[in-house]
C-alpha atoms as a PDB file:
ATOM      1  CA  MET A   1      65.222  62.935  75.678  1.00  0.00           C
ATOM      2  CA  ALA A   2      64.640  66.388  75.760  1.00  0.00           C
ATOM      3  CA  GLU A   3      67.481  68.467  74.867  1.00  0.00           C
ATOM      4  CA  ASN A   4      68.465  69.480  78.481  1.00  0.00           C
ATOM      5  CA  ASP A   5      69.257  66.143  79.288  1.00  0.00           C
ATOM      6  CA  LYS A   6      71.878  65.548  76.800  1.00  0.00           C
ATOM      7  CA  VAL A   7      74.525  63.373  78.333  1.00  0.00           C
ATOM      8  CA  CYS A   8      78.118  64.673  77.460  1.00  0.00           C
ATOM      9  CA  SER A   9      79.551  61.673  75.651  1.00  0.00           C
ATOM     10  CA  THR A  10      83.361  62.915  75.880  1.00  0.00           C
ATOM     11  CA  PRO A  11      85.454  60.143  78.420  1.00  0.00           C
ATOM     12  CA  VAL A  12      87.113  61.340  81.830  1.00  0.00           C
ATOM     13  CA  PRO A  13      90.998  61.306  81.264  1.00  0.00           C
ATOM     14  CA  VAL A  14      92.788  58.804  82.952  1.00  0.00           C
ATOM     15  CA  TYR A  15      95.908  59.824  83.973  1.00  0.00           C
ATOM     16  CA  GLU A  16      99.039  57.577  84.028  1.00  0.00           C
ATOM     17  CA  GLN A  17     101.219  59.753  86.185  1.00  0.00           C
ATOM     18  CA  GLN A  18     100.866  59.210  90.328  1.00  0.00           C
ATOM     19  CA  PRO A  19     101.040  62.366  91.882  1.00  0.00           C
ATOM     20  CA  GLU A  20     104.136  63.247  93.212  1.00  0.00           C
ATOM     21  CA  PHE A  21     104.364  63.973  96.966  1.00  0.00           C
ATOM     22  CA  TYR A  22     106.469  66.578  99.139  1.00  0.00           C
ATOM     23  CA  GLN A  23     109.667  64.903 100.129  1.00  0.00           C
ATOM     24  CA  PRO A  24     111.233  66.101 103.188  1.00  0.00           C
ATOM     25  CA  GLN A  25     114.818  67.045 102.659  1.00  0.00           C
ATOM     26  CA  PRO A  26     117.370  65.773 104.956  1.00  0.00           C
ATOM     27  CA  VAL A  27     118.317  68.734 107.503  1.00  0.00           C
ATOM     28  CA  ALA A  28     121.898  69.140 108.216  1.00  0.00           C
ATOM     29  CA  PRO A  29     122.714  69.258 111.625  1.00  0.00           C
ATOM     30  CA  PRO A  30     123.459  72.490 113.855  1.00  0.00           C
ATOM     31  CA  ASN A  31     126.931  72.754 113.473  1.00  0.00           C
ATOM     32  CA  ALA A  32     128.271  71.467 109.953  1.00  0.00           C
ATOM     33  CA  HIS A  33     128.947  74.883 108.855  1.00  0.00           C
ATOM     34  CA  ILE A  34     132.166  74.415 111.249  1.00  0.00           C
ATOM     35  CA  GLN A  35     132.763  70.618 110.412  1.00  0.00           C
ATOM     36  CA  SER A  36     134.730  69.737 107.260  1.00  0.00           C
ATOM     37  CA  PRO A  37     132.801  68.186 104.125  1.00  0.00           C
ATOM     38  CA  VAL A  38     136.254  65.473 104.267  1.00  0.00           C
ATOM     39  CA  MET A  39     135.491  62.372 106.851  1.00  0.00           C
ATOM     40  CA  ASP A  40     138.347  60.989 108.192  1.00  0.00           C
ATOM     41  CA  PRO A  41     138.530  57.433 108.438  1.00  0.00           C
ATOM     42  CA  ASN A  42     140.184  57.131 112.157  1.00  0.00           C
ATOM     43  CA  GLN A  43     137.554  59.639 113.611  1.00  0.00           C
ATOM     44  CA  PRO A  44     134.609  57.734 114.819  1.00  0.00           C
ATOM     45  CA  MET A  45     131.199  58.983 113.452  1.00  0.00           C
ATOM     46  CA  VAL A  46     129.205  61.099 115.837  1.00  0.00           C
ATOM     47  CA  GLN A  47     125.070  61.492 116.102  1.00  0.00           C
ATOM     48  CA  PRO A  48     123.716  64.489 116.329  1.00  0.00           C
ATOM     49  CA  VAL A  49     121.954  64.855 119.213  1.00  0.00           C
ATOM     50  CA  TYR A  50     118.681  66.554 119.171  1.00  0.00           C
ATOM     51  CA  MET A  51     116.939  67.911 121.826  1.00  0.00           C
ATOM     52  CA  GLN A  52     113.295  67.199 123.039  1.00  0.00           C
ATOM     53  CA  PRO A  53     111.615  70.631 123.915  1.00  0.00           C
ATOM     54  CA  VAL A  54     110.856  71.551 127.734  1.00  0.00           C
ATOM     55  CA  ALA A  55     108.373  70.929 128.758  1.00  0.00           C
ATOM     56  CA  GLY A  56     106.676  74.366 130.813  1.00  0.00           C
ATOM     57  CA  HIS A  57     106.369  74.900 134.135  1.00  0.00           C
ATOM     58  CA  PRO A  58     104.329  72.820 136.472  1.00  0.00           C
ATOM     59  CA  SER A  59     102.051  75.573 136.942  1.00  0.00           C
ATOM     60  CA  GLY A  60     101.030  75.496 133.858  1.00  0.00           C
ATOM     61  CA  TYR A  61     102.680  79.502 133.243  1.00  0.00           C
ATOM     62  CA  ASN A  62     105.622  79.427 131.553  1.00  0.00           C
ATOM     63  CA  ALA A  63     106.840  82.947 132.620  1.00  0.00           C
ATOM     64  CA  ALA A  64     106.456  85.091 135.837  1.00  0.00           C
ATOM     65  CA  THR A  65     106.335  88.510 136.380  1.00  0.00           C
ATOM     66  CA  PRO A  66     108.500  89.996 138.904  1.00  0.00           C
ATOM     67  CA  LEU A  67     106.636  91.887 141.744  1.00  0.00           C
ATOM     68  CA  HIS A  68     107.926  95.367 140.975  1.00  0.00           C
ATOM     69  CA  ALA A  69     106.235  95.087 137.355  1.00  0.00           C
ATOM     70  CA  LEU A  70     102.690  94.100 138.161  1.00  0.00           C
ATOM     71  CA  GLN A  71     100.603  96.117 136.177  1.00  0.00           C
ATOM     72  CA  ARG A  72      95.998  96.081 137.077  1.00  0.00           C
ATOM     73  CA  GLY A  73      95.361  92.999 136.478  1.00  0.00           C
ATOM     74  CA  PRO A  74      96.018  89.291 137.408  1.00  0.00           C
ATOM     75  CA  THR A  75      98.713  88.158 136.216  1.00  0.00           C
ATOM     76  CA  PRO A  76     101.468  84.814 137.089  1.00  0.00           C
ATOM     77  CA  VAL A  77     104.119  85.704 139.354  1.00  0.00           C
ATOM     78  CA  ASP A  78     106.565  83.232 142.100  1.00  0.00           C
ATOM     79  CA  CYS A  79     105.244  83.917 145.253  1.00  0.00           C
ATOM     80  CA  PRO A  80     108.059  85.044 147.704  1.00  0.00           C
ATOM     81  CA  ILE A  81     106.498  83.594 150.482  1.00  0.00           C
ATOM     82  CA  CYS A  82     104.590  79.989 149.704  1.00  0.00           C
ATOM     83  CA  GLY A  83     107.242  79.995 146.466  1.00  0.00           C
ATOM     84  CA  ALA A  84     104.318  78.445 144.050  1.00  0.00           C
ATOM     85  CA  ARG A  85     103.996  79.923 140.755  1.00  0.00           C
ATOM     86  CA  GLU A  86     100.207  81.254 140.741  1.00  0.00           C
ATOM     87  CA  MET A  87      98.106  84.064 139.133  1.00  0.00           C
ATOM     88  CA  THR A  88      97.400  86.527 141.330  1.00  0.00           C
ATOM     89  CA  ARG A  89      94.079  87.385 142.622  1.00  0.00           C
ATOM     90  CA  THR A  90      93.710  91.235 142.718  1.00  0.00           C
ATOM     91  CA  GLU A  91      91.218  93.908 144.720  1.00  0.00           C
ATOM     92  CA  GLY A  92      90.206  96.999 143.258  1.00  0.00           C
ATOM     93  CA  GLU A  93      90.734 100.060 146.251  1.00  0.00           C
ATOM     94  CA  SER A  94      90.299 103.881 145.827  1.00  0.00           C
ATOM     95  CA  GLY A  95      93.553 105.282 146.322  1.00  0.00           C
ATOM     96  CA  ASN A  96      94.855 109.123 146.671  1.00  0.00           C
ATOM     97  CA  THR A  97      93.513 109.328 142.580  1.00  0.00           C
ATOM     98  CA  ALA A  98      89.950 108.663 143.273  1.00  0.00           C
ATOM     99  CA  HIS A  99      90.138 110.746 146.683  1.00  0.00           C
ATOM    100  CA  GLY A 100      91.964 113.905 144.845  1.00  0.00           C
ATOM    101  CA  TRP A 101      89.465 113.775 142.041  1.00  0.00           C
ATOM    102  CA  ALA A 102      86.416 113.221 144.383  1.00  0.00           C
ATOM    103  CA  ALA A 103      87.680 116.376 146.387  1.00  0.00           C
ATOM    104  CA  VAL A 104      87.743 118.405 142.485  1.00  0.00           C
ATOM    105  CA  ILE A 105      83.920 117.215 141.460  1.00  0.00           C
ATOM    106  CA  CYS A 106      82.621 117.678 145.080  1.00  0.00           C
ATOM    107  CA  CYS A 107      83.681 121.430 145.095  1.00  0.00           C
ATOM    108  CA  CYS A 108      82.644 122.052 141.336  1.00  0.00           C
ATOM    109  CA  PHE A 109      79.904 119.332 141.045  1.00  0.00           C
ATOM    110  CA  CYS A 110      78.704 118.023 144.533  1.00  0.00           C
ATOM    111  CA  LEU A 111      79.272 114.935 142.341  1.00  0.00           C
ATOM    112  CA  GLY A 112      81.869 113.493 145.025  1.00  0.00           C
ATOM    113  CA  CYS A 113      80.840 109.962 144.796  1.00  0.00           C
ATOM    114  CA  ILE A 114      81.250 109.596 141.200  1.00  0.00           C
ATOM    115  CA  PRO A 115      84.908 108.754 141.292  1.00  0.00           C
ATOM    116  CA  TYR A 116      84.263 105.782 143.594  1.00  0.00           C
ATOM    117  CA  LEU A 117      82.374 104.011 141.273  1.00  0.00           C
ATOM    118  CA  MET A 118      84.976 104.186 138.433  1.00  0.00           C
ATOM    119  CA  SER A 119      87.618 101.105 138.220  1.00  0.00           C
ATOM    120  CA  SER A 120      89.952 103.144 136.312  1.00  0.00           C
ATOM    121  CA  LEU A 121      91.225 105.357 139.334  1.00  0.00           C
ATOM    122  CA  LYS A 122      91.469 102.778 141.818  1.00  0.00           C
ATOM    123  CA  ASP A 123      94.948 100.881 142.789  1.00  0.00           C
ATOM    124  CA  TYR A 124      95.077  97.383 143.007  1.00  0.00           C
ATOM    125  CA  ASN A 125      96.172  94.872 144.891  1.00  0.00           C
ATOM    126  CA  HIS A 126      97.417  91.653 144.029  1.00  0.00           C
ATOM    127  CA  TYR A 127      97.411  88.678 146.652  1.00  0.00           C
ATOM    128  CA  CYS A 128      99.234  85.263 146.110  1.00  0.00           C
ATOM    129  CA  GLY A 129      96.778  82.905 143.997  1.00  0.00           C
ATOM    130  CA  LYS A 130      98.006  80.214 146.220  1.00  0.00           C
ATOM    131  CA  CYS A 131      98.342  81.490 149.965  1.00  0.00           C
ATOM    132  CA  GLY A 132      96.560  85.091 149.651  1.00  0.00           C
ATOM    133  CA  THR A 133      99.660  86.892 151.186  1.00  0.00           C
ATOM    134  CA  MET A 134      99.122  90.573 149.930  1.00  0.00           C
ATOM    135  CA  LEU A 135     102.487  91.233 147.136  1.00  0.00           C
ATOM    136  CA  ALA A 136     102.132  93.784 145.758  1.00  0.00           C
ATOM    137  CA  THR A 137     100.155  96.996 144.664  1.00  0.00           C
ATOM    138  CA  TRP A 138     100.017  99.101 142.084  1.00  0.00           C
ATOM    139  CA  HIS A 139      98.495 102.715 141.964  1.00  0.00           C
ATOM    140  CA  ASN A 140      96.940 104.843 139.478  1.00  0.00           C
ATOM    141  CA  SER A 141      99.763 106.428 139.151  1.00  0.00           C
ATOM    142  CA  GLY A 142     101.835 103.714 137.783  1.00  0.00           C
ATOM    143  CA  ARG A 143     103.995 103.396 140.785  1.00  0.00           C
ATOM    144  CA  VAL A 144     104.003  99.623 142.296  1.00  0.00           C
ATOM    145  CA  GLU A 145     104.977  99.182 145.927  1.00  0.00           C
ATOM    146  CA  VAL A 146     105.771  95.770 146.888  1.00  0.00           C
ATOM    147  CA  HIS A 147     105.023  94.196 150.336  1.00  0.00           C
ATOM    148  CA  GLN A 148     107.509  92.369 152.377  1.00  0.00           C
ATOM    149  CA  ASN A 149     106.286  89.347 154.405  1.00  0.00           C
ATOM    150  CA  VAL A 150     102.377  90.768 155.140  1.00  0.00           C
ATOM    151  CA  LYS A 151     100.833  87.270 155.917  1.00  0.00           C
ATOM    152  CA  GLN A 152      96.961  88.314 155.724  1.00  0.00           C
END
């Protein structure tokens, strides 16, 4: 046997104690601070009722954005036409901001087409994801125009 092949003859210690596991502590009912700690034998024992978490909206979107608070991108809304909660479909279109920049750039550099190619200068129309109704238009100026009962 070579010197590097020595085997340690020290035995591995054996522990007599079992490892301690986390024991869950009882949780006081939500109104424990209101109840008296003294139990009245004439009063029936009331078991606390625990509510199960409420399942989300059937569409999968738990919260809907009001139409007047829409932004540039798609978001879940409650459609006033069909009543469904769906993600909006958005389409960009050149609005007054793009036209204004195009006029300035055309006068200065003869490159008036550039603003029409930039998505950051476009206004966005929001359509219902289910029925396709145009619901609102988000303008690049930050204003939101809510359309009333417009079917497309």
